[in-house]
N, C-alpha and C. Protein backbone atom coordinates (compact mmCIF):
# COMPACT_ATOMS: atom_id res chain seq x y z
N MET A 1 67.43 1.33 -0.84
CA MET A 1 66.31 2.06 -0.32
C MET A 1 65.49 1.17 0.59
N ASN A 2 64.83 1.82 1.48
CA ASN A 2 63.96 1.09 2.39
C ASN A 2 62.53 1.11 1.87
N SER A 3 62.24 0.22 1.02
CA SER A 3 60.88 0.16 0.48
C SER A 3 60.17 -1.06 1.05
N VAL A 4 58.91 -0.87 1.23
CA VAL A 4 58.10 -1.96 1.75
C VAL A 4 57.63 -2.78 0.56
N PRO A 5 57.89 -4.07 0.60
CA PRO A 5 57.46 -4.88 -0.53
C PRO A 5 55.92 -4.93 -0.57
N ALA A 6 55.40 -4.91 -1.75
CA ALA A 6 53.95 -4.97 -1.92
C ALA A 6 53.46 -6.35 -1.52
N SER A 7 52.47 -6.35 -0.66
CA SER A 7 51.94 -7.63 -0.22
C SER A 7 50.73 -8.00 -1.07
N ALA A 8 50.59 -9.26 -1.29
CA ALA A 8 49.45 -9.74 -2.07
C ALA A 8 48.20 -9.65 -1.21
N PRO A 9 47.05 -9.31 -1.82
CA PRO A 9 45.83 -9.24 -1.03
C PRO A 9 45.50 -10.63 -0.48
N PRO A 10 44.96 -10.68 0.72
CA PRO A 10 44.65 -11.99 1.29
C PRO A 10 43.58 -12.70 0.46
N ALA A 11 43.73 -13.98 0.37
CA ALA A 11 42.75 -14.77 -0.39
C ALA A 11 41.44 -14.76 0.39
N SER A 12 40.38 -14.36 -0.29
CA SER A 12 39.09 -14.29 0.40
C SER A 12 38.37 -15.63 0.26
N LYS A 13 37.74 -16.01 1.34
CA LYS A 13 36.97 -17.25 1.33
C LYS A 13 35.63 -16.98 0.66
N PRO A 14 35.05 -17.97 0.02
CA PRO A 14 33.71 -17.76 -0.54
C PRO A 14 32.73 -17.52 0.60
N ARG A 15 31.84 -16.58 0.41
CA ARG A 15 30.88 -16.23 1.45
C ARG A 15 29.87 -17.35 1.61
N MET A 16 29.66 -17.73 2.82
CA MET A 16 28.66 -18.74 3.14
C MET A 16 27.38 -18.02 3.51
N ARG A 17 26.24 -18.60 3.14
CA ARG A 17 24.96 -18.02 3.57
C ARG A 17 24.86 -18.21 5.06
N SER A 18 24.60 -17.13 5.73
CA SER A 18 24.51 -17.24 7.17
C SER A 18 23.16 -17.76 7.60
N ARG A 19 23.13 -18.38 8.74
CA ARG A 19 21.88 -18.87 9.31
C ARG A 19 20.97 -17.70 9.66
N PHE A 20 21.56 -16.55 9.95
CA PHE A 20 20.80 -15.38 10.34
C PHE A 20 19.88 -14.91 9.22
N ALA A 21 20.35 -14.98 7.98
CA ALA A 21 19.51 -14.55 6.85
C ALA A 21 18.30 -15.47 6.71
N ASP A 22 18.50 -16.76 6.93
CA ASP A 22 17.38 -17.69 6.85
C ASP A 22 16.35 -17.40 7.93
N SER A 23 16.81 -17.14 9.13
CA SER A 23 15.86 -16.87 10.22
C SER A 23 15.13 -15.56 9.98
N ARG A 24 15.78 -14.59 9.38
CA ARG A 24 15.11 -13.32 9.07
C ARG A 24 14.04 -13.53 8.00
N THR A 25 14.29 -14.40 7.05
CA THR A 25 13.30 -14.70 6.02
C THR A 25 12.07 -15.34 6.63
N TRP A 26 12.29 -16.32 7.53
CA TRP A 26 11.16 -16.97 8.20
C TRP A 26 10.41 -15.99 9.08
N LEU A 27 11.14 -15.09 9.74
CA LEU A 27 10.49 -14.09 10.58
C LEU A 27 9.61 -13.17 9.75
N ALA A 28 10.12 -12.73 8.62
CA ALA A 28 9.33 -11.85 7.74
C ALA A 28 8.10 -12.58 7.20
N ALA A 29 8.26 -13.84 6.84
CA ALA A 29 7.11 -14.61 6.35
C ALA A 29 6.07 -14.78 7.45
N GLY A 30 6.53 -15.03 8.67
CA GLY A 30 5.60 -15.16 9.79
C GLY A 30 4.86 -13.86 10.07
N GLN A 31 5.56 -12.75 9.97
CA GLN A 31 4.92 -11.45 10.19
C GLN A 31 3.88 -11.17 9.12
N TRP A 32 4.18 -11.52 7.87
CA TRP A 32 3.20 -11.35 6.80
C TRP A 32 1.97 -12.23 7.05
N LEU A 33 2.21 -13.45 7.49
CA LEU A 33 1.10 -14.37 7.75
C LEU A 33 0.20 -13.83 8.86
N VAL A 34 0.78 -13.34 9.94
CA VAL A 34 -0.02 -12.78 11.03
C VAL A 34 -0.79 -11.55 10.56
N THR A 35 -0.15 -10.71 9.77
CA THR A 35 -0.80 -9.50 9.26
C THR A 35 -1.99 -9.85 8.37
N LEU A 36 -1.81 -10.81 7.47
CA LEU A 36 -2.89 -11.18 6.56
C LEU A 36 -4.04 -11.88 7.29
N LEU A 37 -3.70 -12.70 8.29
CA LEU A 37 -4.76 -13.34 9.07
C LEU A 37 -5.55 -12.30 9.87
N LEU A 38 -4.85 -11.31 10.42
CA LEU A 38 -5.53 -10.25 11.16
C LEU A 38 -6.44 -9.44 10.24
N CYS A 39 -5.97 -9.14 9.04
CA CYS A 39 -6.81 -8.41 8.07
C CYS A 39 -8.05 -9.23 7.71
N ALA A 40 -7.88 -10.52 7.50
CA ALA A 40 -9.03 -11.37 7.19
C ALA A 40 -9.98 -11.42 8.37
N PHE A 41 -9.45 -11.48 9.59
CA PHE A 41 -10.28 -11.52 10.78
C PHE A 41 -11.12 -10.25 10.91
N LEU A 42 -10.60 -9.13 10.43
CA LEU A 42 -11.33 -7.86 10.52
C LEU A 42 -12.26 -7.63 9.34
N ILE A 43 -11.90 -8.10 8.15
CA ILE A 43 -12.65 -7.78 6.94
C ILE A 43 -13.78 -8.78 6.67
N VAL A 44 -13.55 -10.06 6.94
CA VAL A 44 -14.57 -11.08 6.63
C VAL A 44 -15.89 -10.81 7.35
N PRO A 45 -15.92 -10.47 8.64
CA PRO A 45 -17.21 -10.17 9.28
C PRO A 45 -17.92 -8.96 8.68
N ILE A 46 -17.17 -7.99 8.23
CA ILE A 46 -17.78 -6.82 7.59
C ILE A 46 -18.46 -7.23 6.30
N VAL A 47 -17.78 -8.03 5.49
CA VAL A 47 -18.35 -8.47 4.21
C VAL A 47 -19.58 -9.34 4.44
N THR A 48 -19.53 -10.25 5.41
CA THR A 48 -20.70 -11.09 5.66
C THR A 48 -21.86 -10.27 6.19
N SER A 49 -21.58 -9.26 6.99
CA SER A 49 -22.65 -8.40 7.49
C SER A 49 -23.30 -7.62 6.35
N ILE A 50 -22.50 -7.11 5.44
CA ILE A 50 -23.04 -6.38 4.29
C ILE A 50 -23.86 -7.31 3.41
N MET A 51 -23.34 -8.52 3.17
CA MET A 51 -24.08 -9.47 2.34
C MET A 51 -25.39 -9.87 3.02
N ALA A 52 -25.39 -9.99 4.35
CA ALA A 52 -26.63 -10.31 5.06
C ALA A 52 -27.63 -9.18 4.90
N GLY A 53 -27.17 -7.95 4.89
CA GLY A 53 -28.07 -6.83 4.70
C GLY A 53 -28.59 -6.72 3.29
N LEU A 54 -27.82 -7.17 2.33
CA LEU A 54 -28.22 -7.06 0.93
C LEU A 54 -29.12 -8.19 0.46
N THR A 55 -29.14 -9.30 1.16
CA THR A 55 -29.95 -10.43 0.70
C THR A 55 -31.41 -10.25 1.07
N VAL A 56 -32.29 -10.78 0.23
CA VAL A 56 -33.73 -10.70 0.48
C VAL A 56 -34.09 -11.59 1.67
N ASN A 57 -33.59 -12.83 1.66
CA ASN A 57 -33.86 -13.77 2.74
C ASN A 57 -32.52 -14.26 3.27
N TYR A 58 -32.21 -13.88 4.51
CA TYR A 58 -30.91 -14.20 5.10
C TYR A 58 -30.65 -15.70 5.16
N PHE A 59 -31.67 -16.49 5.44
CA PHE A 59 -31.48 -17.94 5.61
C PHE A 59 -31.21 -18.63 4.28
N ARG A 60 -31.70 -18.10 3.18
CA ARG A 60 -31.43 -18.71 1.87
C ARG A 60 -30.14 -18.18 1.27
N GLY A 61 -29.67 -17.05 1.75
CA GLY A 61 -28.40 -16.50 1.27
C GLY A 61 -28.56 -15.68 0.01
N VAL A 62 -27.47 -15.54 -0.72
CA VAL A 62 -27.43 -14.71 -1.92
C VAL A 62 -28.33 -15.28 -3.01
N SER A 63 -28.58 -16.57 -2.99
CA SER A 63 -29.43 -17.19 -4.02
C SER A 63 -30.87 -16.66 -3.96
N SER A 64 -31.27 -16.07 -2.83
CA SER A 64 -32.63 -15.52 -2.72
C SER A 64 -32.74 -14.17 -3.43
N GLY A 65 -31.63 -13.59 -3.79
CA GLY A 65 -31.65 -12.31 -4.49
C GLY A 65 -31.10 -11.20 -3.62
N LEU A 66 -30.85 -10.07 -4.25
CA LEU A 66 -30.30 -8.92 -3.55
C LEU A 66 -31.30 -7.78 -3.54
N THR A 67 -31.24 -6.94 -2.52
CA THR A 67 -32.14 -5.81 -2.42
C THR A 67 -31.44 -4.65 -1.73
N LEU A 68 -31.94 -3.46 -1.92
CA LEU A 68 -31.42 -2.29 -1.23
C LEU A 68 -32.42 -1.77 -0.20
N ARG A 69 -33.42 -2.59 0.14
CA ARG A 69 -34.43 -2.18 1.10
C ARG A 69 -33.83 -1.82 2.46
N TRP A 70 -32.78 -2.53 2.86
CA TRP A 70 -32.16 -2.27 4.14
C TRP A 70 -31.58 -0.86 4.21
N LEU A 71 -31.13 -0.37 3.07
CA LEU A 71 -30.55 0.97 3.02
C LEU A 71 -31.60 2.02 3.40
N ALA A 72 -32.80 1.88 2.88
CA ALA A 72 -33.88 2.82 3.21
C ALA A 72 -34.25 2.71 4.69
N GLU A 73 -34.26 1.49 5.22
CA GLU A 73 -34.63 1.30 6.63
C GLU A 73 -33.56 1.87 7.57
N VAL A 74 -32.32 1.75 7.21
CA VAL A 74 -31.25 2.24 8.06
C VAL A 74 -31.17 3.77 8.02
N TRP A 75 -31.35 4.37 6.86
CA TRP A 75 -31.18 5.82 6.72
C TRP A 75 -32.43 6.62 7.08
N THR A 76 -33.55 5.97 7.33
CA THR A 76 -34.75 6.74 7.70
C THR A 76 -35.04 6.63 9.16
């Protein structure tokens, strides 16, 4: 009979970590860093502005105490 002999599966080489995966990891880390820095750049001034409005004496800072007087002045 004309039968095709069964061939053995080719020996597979162990997979090497590609350089591409490493560069993608660094790219993702860089993107996260830029995103977090941008968020801090936008949020920190808001927080400092609110804290300046809440403090009794801006030059002494939070140690001078907190007040809601600014709220009445802004809303009236």
